[in-house]
Protein backbone atom coordinates (compact mmCIF):
# COMPACT_ATOMS: atom_id res chain seq x y z
CA MET A 1 114.79 64.72 16.58
CA ARG A 2 116.38 62.28 14.13
CA ASN A 3 114.92 59.36 16.21
CA ARG A 4 111.51 60.90 16.18
CA ILE A 5 111.70 61.14 12.41
CA LYS A 6 112.65 57.49 12.11
CA GLU A 7 109.76 56.50 14.44
CA CYS A 8 107.31 58.33 12.32
CA ILE A 9 108.59 56.72 9.11
CA PHE A 10 108.51 53.31 10.70
CA LEU A 11 104.95 53.92 11.76
CA THR A 12 103.96 55.16 8.23
CA ASN A 13 105.43 52.12 6.62
CA LEU A 14 103.76 49.78 8.99
CA TYR A 15 100.43 51.50 8.42
CA SER A 16 100.59 51.28 4.67
CA GLN A 17 101.73 47.59 4.73
CA THR A 18 98.85 46.72 6.99
CA ALA A 19 96.32 48.59 4.78
CA ILE A 20 97.78 46.81 1.72
CA ALA A 21 97.50 43.34 3.30
CA THR A 22 94.06 44.03 4.79
CA ASN A 23 92.63 45.05 1.43
CA GLY A 24 94.33 42.10 -0.25
CA LEU A 25 92.73 39.75 2.44
CA MET A 26 89.31 41.28 2.06
CA ARG A 27 89.44 40.65 -1.79
CA TRP A 28 90.54 37.06 -1.19
CA THR A 29 87.77 36.64 1.41
CA ARG A 30 85.10 37.89 -0.96
CA LYS A 31 86.25 35.44 -3.61
CA LEU A 32 86.24 32.74 -1.23
CA LEU A 33 82.89 33.41 0.20
CA PHE A 34 81.08 34.42 -2.95
CA PRO A 35 82.44 32.39 -5.93
CA GLN A 36 78.78 32.33 -7.10
CA ARG A 37 75.37 33.17 -6.03
CA GLY A 38 73.48 31.24 -3.51
CA SER A 39 76.34 30.92 -1.03
CA ALA A 40 75.45 28.73 1.86
CA LEU A 41 77.16 30.84 4.51
CA SER A 42 74.85 33.08 6.54
CA VAL A 43 75.57 36.74 7.14
CA ASP A 44 76.67 36.02 10.74
CA SER A 45 79.02 33.32 9.75
CA ILE A 46 80.61 35.45 7.13
CA GLY A 47 81.12 38.23 9.60
CA GLU A 48 82.64 35.96 12.17
CA LEU A 49 84.99 34.50 9.54
CA VAL A 50 86.18 37.76 8.29
CA ALA A 51 86.63 39.09 11.93
CA GLY A 52 88.59 36.00 12.84
CA VAL A 53 90.89 36.14 9.81
CA LEU A 54 91.53 39.94 10.37
CA ILE A 55 92.29 39.31 14.05
CA ILE A 56 94.73 36.55 13.29
CA LEU A 57 96.39 38.72 10.64
CA GLY A 58 96.58 41.58 13.18
CA VAL A 59 98.30 39.35 15.82
CA PHE A 60 100.74 38.06 13.15
CA LEU A 61 101.60 41.56 12.11
CA ILE A 62 102.08 42.73 15.75
CA ILE A 63 104.39 39.65 16.60
CA LEU A 64 106.39 40.42 13.46
CA CYS A 65 106.74 44.11 14.37
CA GLY A 66 107.64 43.00 17.97
CA LEU A 67 110.48 40.81 16.71
CA LEU A 68 111.64 43.52 14.27
CA THR A 69 112.05 45.99 17.15
CA SER A 70 113.49 43.48 19.57
CA GLY A 71 116.86 45.00 18.85
CA HIS A 72 115.71 48.39 19.76
CA MET A 73 114.24 46.96 22.94
CA GLU A 74 117.61 45.54 24.12
CA GLU A 75 119.11 48.96 23.65
CA VAL A 76 116.36 50.64 25.72
CA ILE A 77 116.79 48.04 28.47
CA ALA A 78 120.41 48.86 28.46
CA MET A 79 119.73 52.48 28.72
CA LEU A 80 117.20 51.93 31.69
CA TYR A 81 120.14 50.68 33.78
CA ALA A 82 121.50 54.24 33.65
CA TYR A 83 118.50 55.43 35.76
CA ASP A 84 118.66 55.03 39.54
CA TRP A 85 115.36 53.16 39.53
CA GLY A 86 116.12 51.32 36.41
CA PRO A 87 117.76 48.11 37.86
CA ALA A 88 115.05 47.81 40.55
CA TYR A 89 112.17 48.27 37.95
CA LEU A 90 113.61 45.64 35.70
CA PHE A 91 114.11 43.31 38.65
CA LEU A 92 110.37 43.80 39.67
CA GLY A 93 109.38 43.08 36.04
CA ARG A 94 111.40 39.80 35.85
CA ALA A 95 110.11 38.86 39.33
CA MET A 96 106.49 39.34 38.23
CA PHE A 97 107.17 37.45 35.00
CA PHE A 98 108.53 34.30 36.78
CA THR A 99 105.80 34.63 39.57
CA ASN A 100 103.12 34.49 36.92
CA ALA A 101 104.79 31.58 35.04
CA ALA A 102 104.99 29.65 38.24
CA ALA A 103 101.35 30.53 39.00
CA PHE A 104 100.36 29.30 35.63
CA ILE A 105 102.08 25.90 36.05
CA TRP A 106 100.78 25.51 39.44
CA ARG A 107 97.21 26.03 38.15
CA VAL A 108 97.59 23.81 35.22
CA ALA A 109 98.71 20.99 37.48
CA LEU A 110 95.66 21.62 39.53
CA VAL A 111 93.20 21.75 36.54
CA THR A 112 94.48 18.52 35.20
CA ARG A 113 93.15 16.96 38.53
CA TYR A 114 89.75 18.71 38.49
CA SER A 115 86.42 17.02 37.58
CA PRO A 116 82.90 18.03 38.45
CA VAL A 117 81.04 15.86 40.98
CA LYS A 118 78.49 13.40 39.55
CA GLU A 119 74.83 14.10 39.66
CA CYS A 120 72.74 12.81 42.56
CA THR A 121 69.39 10.79 42.04
CA ASP A 122 66.13 12.29 43.08
CA GLU A 123 66.13 10.47 46.36
CA GLN A 124 69.80 11.66 47.24
CA LEU A 125 69.10 15.41 46.31
CA PRO A 126 68.57 17.64 49.44
CA SER A 127 65.73 20.18 49.47
CA CYS A 128 66.82 23.64 48.09
CA THR A 129 65.47 27.21 47.93
CA VAL A 130 66.36 29.31 44.83
CA ILE A 131 66.44 33.07 45.44
CA VAL A 132 66.21 35.50 42.53
CA PRO A 133 66.66 39.15 43.68
CA ALA A 134 65.64 41.71 40.89
CA TYR A 135 65.78 45.45 40.30
CA ASN A 136 64.38 47.10 37.19
CA GLU A 137 64.97 43.89 35.22
CA GLY A 138 61.77 44.11 33.38
CA MET A 139 60.64 41.07 31.25
CA GLN A 140 64.08 39.31 31.68
CA VAL A 141 63.05 38.18 35.10
CA LEU A 142 60.26 36.07 33.58
CA TYR A 143 62.65 34.08 31.56
CA THR A 144 64.95 33.60 34.54
CA LEU A 145 62.12 32.30 36.74
CA ARG A 146 60.85 29.98 33.86
CA SER A 147 64.24 28.48 33.56
CA VAL A 148 64.24 27.78 37.31
CA VAL A 149 60.80 26.30 37.45
CA ASN A 150 61.59 24.10 34.40
CA SER A 151 64.71 22.73 36.10
CA ASP A 152 65.17 18.84 36.38
CA TYR A 153 64.69 18.90 40.10
CA PRO A 154 61.91 17.24 42.08
CA ALA A 155 59.06 19.70 42.57
CA LYS A 156 58.58 18.73 46.12
CA LYS A 157 62.18 19.48 47.12
CA ILE A 158 62.48 22.95 45.50
CA GLN A 159 61.25 26.40 46.74
CA VAL A 160 61.48 29.35 44.54
CA ILE A 161 61.54 33.02 45.95
CA ALA A 162 61.68 36.19 43.80
CA VAL A 163 62.31 39.47 45.47
CA ASP A 164 61.56 42.68 43.76
CA ASP A 165 63.96 45.17 45.30
CA GLY A 166 61.77 48.23 44.94
CA SER A 167 61.82 48.35 41.17
CA VAL A 168 60.44 51.35 39.30
CA ASP A 169 59.69 49.64 36.04
CA ASP A 170 57.41 46.60 35.31
CA THR A 171 59.56 43.95 37.01
CA TRP A 172 56.85 43.18 39.58
CA VAL A 173 54.37 42.64 36.79
CA TRP A 174 56.60 40.01 35.17
CA MET A 175 57.25 38.41 38.53
CA GLN A 176 53.55 38.01 39.19
CA ARG A 177 53.12 36.58 35.72
CA ALA A 178 55.74 34.09 36.45
CA GLU A 179 54.12 33.26 39.71
CA LYS A 180 50.71 32.64 37.98
CA GLU A 181 52.34 30.49 35.26
CA SER A 182 54.01 28.27 37.88
CA ASP A 183 50.72 27.59 39.81
CA SER A 184 52.09 29.37 42.76
CA ARG A 185 55.36 27.43 43.02
CA ILE A 186 57.14 30.72 43.00
CA LYS A 187 56.75 32.95 46.05
CA THR A 188 57.13 36.72 45.29
CA ILE A 189 58.20 39.44 47.66
CA ARG A 190 58.09 43.10 47.01
CA LEU A 191 60.27 45.47 49.04
CA PRO A 192 58.65 49.07 49.33
CA ARG A 193 61.93 50.81 48.29
CA ASN A 194 65.31 49.85 46.67
CA GLN A 195 67.48 48.64 49.50
CA GLY A 196 70.27 46.89 47.66
CA LYS A 197 71.04 43.30 46.42
CA ARG A 198 72.38 42.31 49.91
CA THR A 199 69.12 43.22 51.52
CA ALA A 200 67.02 41.61 48.97
CA LEU A 201 69.04 38.32 49.29
CA TRP A 202 68.71 38.57 52.96
CA VAL A 203 64.94 38.84 52.83
CA GLY A 204 64.97 35.76 50.52
CA PHE A 205 67.34 33.80 52.91
CA MET A 206 65.02 34.54 55.86
CA ALA A 207 61.97 33.20 53.95
CA SER A 208 63.76 30.09 52.77
CA THR A 209 63.21 26.47 53.91
CA GLY A 210 65.66 24.52 51.97
CA GLU A 211 68.78 22.72 53.21
CA VAL A 212 70.67 24.29 50.27
CA LEU A 213 70.09 27.93 49.39
CA ILE A 214 70.75 29.00 45.84
CA THR A 215 71.06 32.63 44.38
CA ILE A 216 70.55 33.42 40.71
CA ASP A 217 70.84 36.78 39.20
CA SER A 218 67.54 38.01 37.53
CA ASP A 219 69.32 38.58 34.17
CA SER A 220 70.45 34.87 33.89
CA ILE A 221 69.10 31.84 32.55
CA ILE A 222 70.09 28.29 33.66
CA GLU A 223 69.97 24.91 31.91
CA PRO A 224 67.52 22.12 33.07
CA GLN A 225 70.37 20.10 34.65
CA THR A 226 72.04 23.29 36.47
CA LEU A 227 70.36 22.98 39.79
CA ARG A 228 70.87 19.13 40.15
CA ARG A 229 74.58 19.52 39.21
CA LEU A 230 75.01 22.50 41.44
CA VAL A 231 73.48 20.84 44.68
CA SER A 232 74.98 17.48 44.25
CA PRO A 233 78.34 18.25 45.88
CA PHE A 234 76.60 18.93 49.15
CA TYR A 235 75.33 15.24 49.31
CA TYR A 236 78.68 13.72 48.70
CA ASP A 237 80.75 15.93 50.94
CA LYS A 238 79.54 17.29 54.33
CA ASN A 239 82.44 19.67 54.45
CA ILE A 240 81.40 21.65 51.43
CA GLY A 241 79.58 24.86 52.52
CA GLY A 242 79.49 26.63 49.06
CA VAL A 243 79.49 25.77 45.40
CA ALA A 244 80.13 28.11 42.46
CA GLY A 245 78.26 27.75 39.20
CA CYS A 246 79.89 28.16 35.81
CA VAL A 247 78.95 31.52 34.26
CA ARG A 248 78.66 31.97 30.50
CA VAL A 249 77.56 34.88 28.40
CA LEU A 250 73.95 35.13 27.53
CA ASN A 251 74.02 38.01 25.11
CA LYS A 252 77.19 36.85 23.26
CA GLU A 253 75.62 38.02 19.94
CA GLN A 254 75.24 41.59 20.97
CA GLY A 255 78.62 42.96 20.28
CA ILE A 256 82.39 42.64 20.57
CA ILE A 257 82.51 43.14 24.23
CA PRO A 258 80.15 40.26 25.06
CA ARG A 259 82.23 38.10 22.65
CA MET A 260 85.42 39.08 24.45
CA LEU A 261 83.93 38.40 27.81
CA ASP A 262 82.76 34.94 26.83
CA VAL A 263 86.37 34.01 26.35
CA SER A 264 87.42 35.70 29.54
CA PHE A 265 84.66 33.99 31.54
CA ALA A 266 85.75 30.57 30.33
CA TYR A 267 89.30 31.15 31.49
CA SER A 268 88.30 32.76 34.88
CA PHE A 269 85.64 29.98 35.69
CA ASP A 270 86.77 26.80 34.12
CA PHE A 271 90.43 27.32 34.52
CA ILE A 272 91.00 29.67 37.53
CA ARG A 273 88.05 28.43 39.74
CA GLY A 274 88.58 24.92 38.53
CA SER A 275 92.14 24.97 40.00
CA GLN A 276 90.91 26.69 43.22
CA SER A 277 88.28 23.96 43.63
CA VAL A 278 91.07 21.32 43.64
CA VAL A 279 92.29 22.82 46.93
CA ASN A 280 88.69 23.30 48.22
CA THR A 281 88.91 27.11 48.23
CA VAL A 282 87.16 28.98 45.46
CA PHE A 283 87.47 32.58 46.33
CA CYS A 284 84.26 33.83 44.96
CA THR A 285 80.86 32.05 44.52
CA PRO A 286 79.40 34.31 41.75
CA GLY A 287 76.14 36.10 42.37
CA ALA A 288 74.96 34.85 38.88
CA LEU A 289 74.82 31.23 40.33
CA ALA A 290 75.91 30.02 43.66
CA ALA A 291 74.79 27.48 46.28
CA TYR A 292 75.31 27.46 50.05
CA ARG A 293 74.66 24.99 52.87
CA ARG A 294 72.09 26.37 55.14
CA GLU A 295 73.78 25.86 58.35
CA PRO A 296 77.03 27.87 57.91
CA LEU A 297 75.03 30.56 55.92
CA MET A 298 72.45 31.16 58.67
CA LYS A 299 75.29 31.31 61.25
CA CYS A 300 76.89 34.35 59.47
CA LEU A 301 73.64 35.79 57.98
CA ASP A 302 73.41 38.91 60.27
CA LYS A 303 77.04 39.51 60.20
CA TRP A 304 77.08 39.32 56.37
CA LYS A 305 73.94 41.55 56.18
CA ASN A 306 75.38 44.35 58.51
CA GLN A 307 78.98 44.11 57.17
CA LYS A 308 80.90 47.40 57.07
CA PHE A 309 84.11 48.51 55.40
CA LEU A 310 86.03 51.49 56.83
CA GLY A 311 82.91 52.40 58.83
CA ARG A 312 80.58 52.44 55.87
CA PRO A 313 77.97 49.81 55.14
CA ALA A 314 79.19 47.17 52.60
CA THR A 315 76.79 47.42 49.62
CA ILE A 316 78.95 45.71 47.04
CA GLY A 317 80.72 42.37 46.72
CA GLU A 318 77.95 40.36 48.66
CA ASP A 319 78.96 37.23 46.75
CA ARG A 320 82.77 37.42 47.55
CA ALA A 321 81.87 38.44 51.21
CA LEU A 322 79.50 35.49 51.69
CA THR A 323 82.24 33.18 50.34
CA ASN A 324 84.70 34.51 52.73
CA PHE A 325 82.23 34.05 55.75
CA ILE A 326 81.68 30.34 54.62
CA LEU A 327 85.34 29.74 54.40
CA GLU A 328 86.21 31.39 57.73
CA GLN A 329 83.88 28.81 59.34
CA GLY A 330 86.16 25.89 57.95
CA TYR A 331 83.87 24.81 55.27
CA HIS A 332 85.11 23.95 51.78
CA VAL A 333 83.98 26.07 48.63
CA THR A 334 84.11 24.25 45.33
CA PHE A 335 83.23 24.67 41.59
CA GLN A 336 80.91 22.74 39.31
CA SER A 337 81.91 23.21 35.74
CA ASP A 338 78.83 21.57 34.31
CA ALA A 339 76.28 23.68 36.44
CA ILE A 340 75.88 26.39 33.80
CA VAL A 341 74.32 29.81 33.89
CA TYR A 342 74.03 32.33 31.10
CA THR A 343 74.05 35.91 32.08
CA ASN A 344 73.73 39.22 30.45
CA VAL A 345 76.97 41.43 30.40
CA PRO A 346 77.46 44.99 29.31
CA VAL A 347 77.63 45.86 25.69
CA ASN A 348 79.38 49.15 25.86
CA TYR A 349 82.58 50.48 27.39
CA GLN A 350 80.94 52.59 29.97
CA GLY A 351 78.82 49.72 31.47
CA LEU A 352 81.92 47.40 31.29
CA CYS A 353 84.10 49.64 33.24
CA LYS A 354 81.32 50.11 35.94
CA MET A 355 80.99 46.41 36.26
CA PHE A 356 84.80 45.87 36.54
CA LEU A 357 85.10 48.74 39.03
CA ARG A 358 82.51 47.19 41.31
CA TRP A 359 84.27 43.81 40.97
CA ALA A 360 87.76 45.28 41.60
CA ARG A 361 86.71 47.19 44.72
CA SER A 362 85.14 44.14 46.11
CA ASN A 363 88.26 42.14 45.35
CA VAL A 364 90.43 44.67 47.22
CA ARG A 365 88.02 44.82 50.13
CA GLU A 366 87.57 41.01 50.44
CA THR A 367 91.27 40.26 49.98
CA LEU A 368 91.91 42.31 52.95
CA VAL A 369 89.21 40.33 54.85
CA MET A 370 90.67 36.89 53.70
CA GLY A 371 94.06 38.01 54.91
CA LYS A 372 92.86 38.15 58.54
CA PHE A 373 92.11 34.32 58.71
CA ILE A 374 93.81 32.63 55.82
CA PHE A 375 97.11 32.09 57.65
CA LYS A 376 95.24 30.88 60.74
CA LYS A 377 94.12 27.42 61.36
CA PHE A 378 90.62 28.12 60.12
CA ARG A 379 89.75 24.57 59.10
CA GLN A 380 90.80 20.94 59.92
CA SER A 381 91.63 19.93 56.23
CA PRO A 382 94.87 21.14 54.61
CA ALA A 383 94.90 24.82 53.58
CA LEU A 384 98.36 25.18 51.92
CA GLY A 385 96.92 25.40 48.56
CA ALA A 386 94.50 28.08 49.67
CA ARG A 387 97.35 30.22 51.12
CA ILE A 388 99.26 29.86 47.93
CA ASN A 389 96.34 31.03 45.88
CA PHE A 390 95.87 33.90 48.32
CA LEU A 391 99.45 35.03 48.07
CA LEU A 392 99.45 34.77 44.17
CA SER A 393 96.28 36.88 44.31
CA LEU A 394 97.78 39.51 46.57
CA ILE A 395 100.88 39.75 44.47
CA SER A 396 98.82 40.20 41.23
CA LEU A 397 96.90 42.90 43.11
CA ILE A 398 99.88 44.95 44.09
CA MET A 399 102.93 44.45 41.99
CA PRO A 400 101.37 45.30 38.63
CA GLN A 401 100.54 48.79 39.81
CA PHE A 402 104.18 49.67 40.33
CA LEU A 403 105.05 48.30 37.02
CA LEU A 404 102.26 50.33 35.42
CA VAL A 405 103.71 53.67 36.67
CA GLY A 406 107.07 52.78 35.28
CA LEU A 407 105.58 51.58 32.00
CA LEU A 408 103.79 54.90 31.41
CA PHE A 409 107.18 56.64 31.76
CA CYS A 410 108.70 54.23 29.27
CA ILE A 411 105.98 54.81 26.73
CA TYR A 412 106.38 58.53 26.82
CA TRP A 413 110.18 57.94 26.48
CA GLN A 414 110.15 55.33 23.66
CA PRO A 415 106.61 55.22 22.50
CA VAL A 416 107.05 53.11 19.28
CA VAL A 417 109.26 50.43 20.87
CA PHE A 418 107.20 49.97 24.02
CA LEU A 419 103.73 50.13 22.39
CA ILE A 420 104.68 47.38 19.91
CA GLN A 421 106.28 45.25 22.72
CA ILE A 422 103.17 45.62 24.90
CA LEU A 423 100.85 44.54 21.99
CA MET A 424 103.23 41.62 21.30
CA ALA A 425 103.25 40.60 24.88
CA SER A 426 99.43 40.84 25.18
CA SER A 427 99.12 38.70 21.96
CA ILE A 428 101.33 36.09 23.42
CA VAL A 429 99.72 36.05 26.81
CA ALA A 430 96.14 35.98 25.10
CA THR A 431 97.15 32.61 23.49
CA ILE A 432 96.64 30.90 26.77
CA PRO A 433 92.90 31.70 27.27
CA ALA A 434 92.39 31.36 23.54
CA VAL A 435 93.83 27.67 23.50
CA PHE A 436 91.83 26.87 26.63
CA TYR A 437 88.61 28.26 25.14
CA VAL A 438 89.21 26.18 21.90
CA TRP A 439 89.78 23.13 24.08
CA ARG A 440 86.74 23.57 26.29
CA ARG A 441 84.27 25.02 23.88
CA ARG A 442 85.56 23.80 20.48
CA SER A 443 84.82 27.23 19.14
CA THR A 444 86.64 29.67 16.83
CA GLY A 445 85.46 32.51 19.14
CA ALA A 446 88.73 31.97 20.77
CA VAL A 447 90.31 34.66 18.53
CA TRP A 448 88.40 37.28 20.57
CA SER A 449 91.00 36.69 23.35
CA PHE A 450 93.60 38.44 21.36
CA VAL A 451 91.38 41.53 20.96
CA TYR A 452 90.57 41.44 24.65
CA GLY A 453 94.18 41.30 25.56
CA ALA A 454 95.00 44.51 23.76
CA PHE A 455 91.72 46.11 24.96
CA TRP A 456 92.56 45.42 28.54
CA CYS A 457 96.12 46.95 28.17
CA PHE A 458 94.92 50.13 26.67
CA GLY A 459 91.32 50.35 27.81
CA LEU A 460 90.96 48.71 31.18
CA ALA A 461 94.41 48.59 32.93
CA TRP A 462 93.47 51.72 34.84
CA ILE A 463 90.63 49.82 36.56
CA THR A 464 92.64 47.99 39.38
CA PRO A 465 94.69 51.01 40.49
CA TRP A 466 91.69 53.21 40.60
CA SER A 467 89.79 50.73 42.55
CA ILE A 468 92.47 50.72 45.10
CA LEU A 469 92.41 54.47 45.39
CA THR A 470 88.57 54.64 45.58
CA VAL A 471 88.17 51.40 47.48
CA ARG A 472 85.73 53.11 50.00
CA ASN A 473 83.25 53.81 47.23
CA GLY A 474 80.41 51.34 47.66
CA LYS A 475 78.11 52.50 44.87
CA TRP A 476 76.77 49.76 42.64
CA LEU A 477 77.34 52.02 39.63
CA THR A 478 74.87 50.12 37.31
CA ARG A 479 71.68 49.68 39.41
CA ASN A 480 70.58 53.32 38.81
CA PHE A 481 70.98 52.90 35.10
CA PRO A 482 68.13 51.17 33.15
CA THR A 483 69.53 48.58 30.72
CA ASN A 484 68.81 48.68 27.14
CA LEU A 485 69.32 45.01 26.50
CA GLN A 486 66.51 42.93 24.98
CA PRO A 487 65.57 39.92 26.79
CA THR A 488 67.83 37.10 25.54
CA PRO A 489 66.41 33.66 26.53
CA ARG A 490 68.93 30.98 25.72
CA VAL A 491 67.67 27.59 26.94
CA SER A 492 65.21 25.79 24.61
CA VAL A 493 62.61 25.34 27.20
CA ILE A 494 62.11 29.08 27.64
CA GLN A 495 59.35 30.59 25.65
CA ARG A 496 58.39 34.21 25.16
CA PRO A 497 55.03 35.40 26.51
CA ALA A 498 52.13 35.50 23.96
CA ALA A 499 51.35 38.98 22.64
């Protein structure tokens, strides 16, 4: 009881000191921003500045509190050894720490060797087919198709196919408008009923004629140079069977979640996929923007279309599955950091969880699939790097779940000590993607990495264990829910339709 009283007093003092500091910071910020009328800063920049300062202050206080409670943490660790499972749990935690540290050093070494392939000339570019599947996308599909048609790619070498997957809104109307605007450069296909993204892509693949087949999500916008940069690796290396594009957030200004995801995407694409690309084995070509060599894709097309998992048709993870089929044939899959696509992401917690659950279940499924061939001689070129990355992925999928169970007990046992230590650890780890974001994007938006770190620990840590327990669930989760996002064109060549 005495310890509980001390913990309550500590939390009360911490809250009061934080409130005092925050109030003082807000007064200082107002004086700084509004010394007189006619401030040149916009409302948006003021909000970003204040949010950034508050986040940095919060991180500073969290680390300070973590250091102040480090002595208590040492006592708790000593007490853990008294439990039968304590030594094993602490050993597992240390093993996970050193594994992650080694994985980070390994990836840094790889990223320093990465660079995107140079662009091809018009004569060197192969013919390509761009396939845009859409379901209940509304007017956004028009902006997507316009960005494709306006690409810096020879018109005689590009075919564009838009597939309406049985939408019940006005998606088909906007597709037809895009077709008309393009002088019939866009071929539109309408399915009689909703059959899923995999089927819609399959229909597009079957109607394609290009040497390279490109998939773009209907809620995404590409830059004029994106297609040229995405396709160029196929010309220089005949062993390349797939290329992953670089995904950024289109609706970044629509809330905290898109801002956090923009930082997360920078790390997962430019850093993680960049490192995977050096060993010629990117694990997932994203649905938002990916390209495939025609020959290996057509060889596995029916197998991919009719793929099953535990006896049920595979309706999710079509991008990760297709990547596996390409890799299994011995082809390389690489990443082009300068082939950029901007895509819409969820703006609320419910939508975010559904997206992450779908991705996590796909990751579990396709990790099992990859395990069937990754240790075989599946290609002529070296595959050691691919196998190392697979083992790291497998460890990160399994080991944290055991640690999570023990951590929940520890939080119940010593809530103040462990909650503060978790927040401090998440802040320290979040420094890595934050620094990387500043280096790659030259943006102060990197501070949202710290918010995302804490948000993941307390709001999203359940995603992976639940996806493992419900891995048979193949529901799309978001396709039946109409989006309330407003169309958000990003590229300057995109224009809204006249009223």
